[in-house]
Amino acid sequence: MIKSPVVKRSIVIAGHKTSVSLEDAFWDALKEIAAARDVTLSEVVANIDALRNQGNLSSAIRLYVLDHFRTARAA
């Protein structure tokens, strides 16, 4: 049986507990972004949640991480 690279993780945002399903690479990148901005992981995820227009939170996080590193590379 092949193990899925997607891991379900719990996080508290805006005072409520939720879960997101993310690959380790995206989770690690999200932690890196939070550390670079000197904010908590929960604060970054709450911001992503507040700004998303549609879709689920896990997808919004993946797109946020992708955009972050694309923008950083272009700078």
Protein backbone atom coordinates (compact mmCIF):
# COMPACT_ATOMS: atom_id res chain seq x y z
CA MET A 1 0.00 0.00 0.00
CA ILE A 2 1.35 3.42 -0.99
CA LYS A 3 1.30 6.06 1.73
CA SER A 4 -0.24 9.37 0.68
CA PRO A 5 2.17 12.28 0.92
CA VAL A 6 -0.76 14.43 2.11
CA VAL A 7 -1.02 14.76 5.89
CA LYS A 8 -4.03 16.12 7.76
CA ARG A 9 -2.95 18.73 10.32
CA SER A 10 -4.94 20.65 12.93
CA ILE A 11 -4.52 24.38 13.40
CA VAL A 12 -6.34 27.09 15.34
CA ILE A 13 -7.26 30.16 13.32
CA ALA A 14 -9.39 33.06 14.47
CA GLY A 15 -10.15 31.17 17.67
CA HIS A 16 -11.49 28.00 16.08
CA LYS A 17 -9.83 24.68 15.36
CA THR A 18 -9.75 23.49 11.78
CA SER A 19 -7.76 20.99 9.79
CA VAL A 20 -5.89 21.21 6.52
CA SER A 21 -4.48 18.45 4.36
CA LEU A 22 -1.06 19.37 3.03
CA GLU A 23 2.09 17.71 1.80
CA ASP A 24 5.13 18.11 4.06
CA ALA A 25 6.83 20.42 1.55
CA PHE A 26 3.97 22.92 1.67
CA TRP A 27 3.72 22.71 5.47
CA ASP A 28 7.47 23.31 5.83
CA ALA A 29 7.35 26.22 3.38
CA LEU A 30 4.45 27.75 5.31
CA LYS A 31 6.47 27.53 8.54
CA GLU A 32 9.42 29.15 6.75
CA ILE A 33 7.22 32.04 5.58
CA ALA A 34 5.86 32.55 9.10
CA ALA A 35 9.35 32.55 10.61
CA ALA A 36 10.65 35.03 8.03
CA ARG A 37 7.77 37.38 8.84
CA ASP A 38 8.16 36.82 12.59
CA VAL A 39 4.52 35.77 12.99
CA THR A 40 2.87 32.54 14.04
CA LEU A 41 1.81 29.86 11.63
CA SER A 42 -1.77 30.43 12.79
CA GLU A 43 -1.52 34.11 11.86
CA VAL A 44 -0.33 33.30 8.34
CA VAL A 45 -3.10 30.73 7.86
CA ALA A 46 -5.73 33.14 9.26
CA ASN A 47 -4.59 35.74 6.73
CA ILE A 48 -4.80 33.23 3.88
CA ASP A 49 -8.26 32.18 5.08
CA ALA A 50 -9.47 35.79 5.22
CA LEU A 51 -8.21 36.58 1.71
CA ARG A 52 -9.43 33.51 -0.16
CA ASN A 53 -12.38 33.96 -2.46
CA GLN A 54 -13.35 30.35 -2.95
CA GLY A 55 -12.08 26.80 -2.72
CA ASN A 56 -10.89 24.99 0.34
CA LEU A 57 -8.26 26.23 2.77
CA SER A 58 -5.72 23.56 1.83
CA SER A 59 -5.79 24.65 -1.81
CA ALA A 60 -5.59 28.31 -0.81
CA ILE A 61 -2.48 27.57 1.27
CA ARG A 62 -0.79 25.76 -1.62
CA LEU A 63 -1.48 28.67 -3.97
CA TYR A 64 -0.25 31.18 -1.36
CA VAL A 65 3.04 29.30 -0.90
CA LEU A 66 3.52 28.99 -4.65
CA ASP A 67 2.86 32.70 -5.16
CA HIS A 68 5.18 33.64 -2.28
CA PHE A 69 8.16 31.81 -3.76
CA ARG A 70 7.43 32.86 -7.34
CA THR A 71 7.32 36.49 -6.22
CA ALA A 72 10.52 36.10 -4.19
CA ARG A 73 12.31 34.55 -7.15
CA ALA A 74 11.24 37.36 -9.47
CA ALA A 75 12.52 40.06 -7.10
